[in-house]
Amino acid sequence: GDPSPAQFCEEAERALWDRIQRLNPTIDRLVAQRDFSGLLEQLGSVRDDVDRFFEKVLVIAEDPVIRDNRLRLLSRVRRLFLNVADVSLLQH
């Protein structure tokens, strides 16, 4: 499921969540149009927020509720990228 924004402790968590919430309608439209170039461009705009998240946030927090919420946030980011391709299926 989605994370609970009420459980965010760090500004970087909120910023990443806000960014993907704002992107969702655009991503959905681009997927429907099969505009993968535009989709990749939009996904690239998330990079700074993802980088900041990993620089500022300890994902595997001691508190299991906070840890689970952060993992849910990352799962949500992952789902955005799966709109283009499941890169885990690419072979070296």
Protein backbone atom coordinates (compact mmCIF):
# COMPACT_ATOMS: atom_id res chain seq x y z
CA GLY A 1 0.00 0.00 0.00
CA ASP A 2 0.91 3.65 0.00
CA PRO A 3 2.82 5.29 2.81
CA SER A 4 1.13 7.42 5.44
CA PRO A 5 2.33 11.02 5.04
CA ALA A 6 1.38 11.63 8.68
CA GLN A 7 4.24 9.30 9.67
CA PHE A 8 6.95 11.16 7.73
CA CYS A 9 9.62 12.45 10.09
CA GLU A 10 12.00 14.04 7.59
CA GLU A 11 11.45 16.82 5.06
CA ALA A 12 13.09 14.65 2.37
CA GLU A 13 10.32 12.05 2.83
CA ARG A 14 7.62 14.68 2.41
CA ALA A 15 9.34 16.22 -0.62
CA LEU A 16 9.65 12.86 -2.39
CA TRP A 17 6.02 11.97 -1.65
CA ASP A 18 4.80 15.37 -2.82
CA ARG A 19 6.80 15.06 -6.03
CA ILE A 20 5.39 11.66 -6.95
CA GLN A 21 1.86 12.78 -6.05
CA ARG A 22 2.20 15.74 -8.41
CA LEU A 23 3.66 13.51 -11.14
CA ASN A 24 1.00 10.79 -11.02
CA PRO A 25 -1.51 12.44 -13.40
CA THR A 26 1.24 13.25 -15.91
CA ILE A 27 2.69 9.74 -15.69
CA ASP A 28 -0.75 8.19 -16.19
CA ARG A 29 -1.38 10.38 -19.24
CA LEU A 30 2.01 9.60 -20.79
CA VAL A 31 1.56 5.86 -20.23
CA ALA A 32 -1.86 5.99 -21.87
CA GLN A 33 -0.34 7.85 -24.84
CA ARG A 34 2.59 5.40 -24.93
CA ASP A 35 4.89 8.43 -24.86
CA PHE A 36 7.87 6.65 -23.32
CA SER A 37 10.29 9.42 -24.18
CA GLY A 38 8.16 11.92 -22.27
CA LEU A 39 7.72 9.38 -19.50
CA LEU A 40 11.47 8.95 -19.10
CA GLU A 41 11.89 12.70 -19.01
CA GLN A 42 9.31 13.04 -16.24
CA LEU A 43 10.83 10.18 -14.27
CA GLY A 44 14.22 11.85 -14.54
CA SER A 45 12.78 14.88 -12.78
CA VAL A 46 12.47 12.77 -9.61
CA ARG A 47 16.20 12.19 -9.35
CA ASP A 48 17.06 15.11 -7.06
CA ASP A 49 14.28 14.16 -4.64
CA VAL A 50 15.35 10.51 -4.62
CA ASP A 51 19.00 11.47 -4.10
CA ARG A 52 18.05 13.80 -1.23
CA PHE A 53 15.92 11.07 0.32
CA PHE A 54 18.83 8.62 0.40
CA GLU A 55 21.23 11.28 1.67
CA LYS A 56 18.99 12.49 4.51
CA VAL A 57 16.81 9.54 5.52
CA LEU A 58 17.75 6.32 7.28
CA VAL A 59 15.38 3.92 5.51
CA ILE A 60 15.91 1.00 7.86
CA ALA A 61 14.92 2.93 10.99
CA GLU A 62 14.77 1.18 14.34
CA ASP A 63 11.08 2.00 14.72
CA PRO A 64 9.26 -0.66 12.66
CA VAL A 65 6.35 1.67 11.86
CA ILE A 66 8.65 4.36 10.43
CA ARG A 67 10.75 1.73 8.62
CA ASP A 68 7.65 0.19 7.01
CA ASN A 69 6.36 3.60 5.98
CA ARG A 70 9.68 4.47 4.34
CA LEU A 71 9.76 1.15 2.52
CA ARG A 72 6.23 1.82 1.28
CA LEU A 73 7.38 5.18 -0.04
CA LEU A 74 10.23 3.52 -1.93
CA SER A 75 7.84 0.89 -3.26
CA ARG A 76 5.66 3.70 -4.60
CA VAL A 77 8.66 5.24 -6.37
CA ARG A 78 9.52 1.82 -7.81
CA ARG A 79 5.99 1.49 -9.21
CA LEU A 80 6.45 4.77 -11.08
CA PHE A 81 9.49 3.38 -12.85
CA LEU A 82 7.80 0.09 -13.65
CA ASN A 83 5.57 2.08 -16.00
CA VAL A 84 8.53 2.11 -18.40
CA ALA A 85 10.17 -1.24 -17.81
CA ASP A 86 11.02 -3.77 -15.16
CA VAL A 87 14.77 -3.24 -15.20
CA SER A 88 15.26 -6.34 -13.04
CA LEU A 89 14.40 -8.36 -16.16
CA LEU A 90 17.26 -6.87 -18.20
CA GLN A 91 20.23 -9.16 -18.67
CA HIS A 92 23.87 -8.06 -18.58
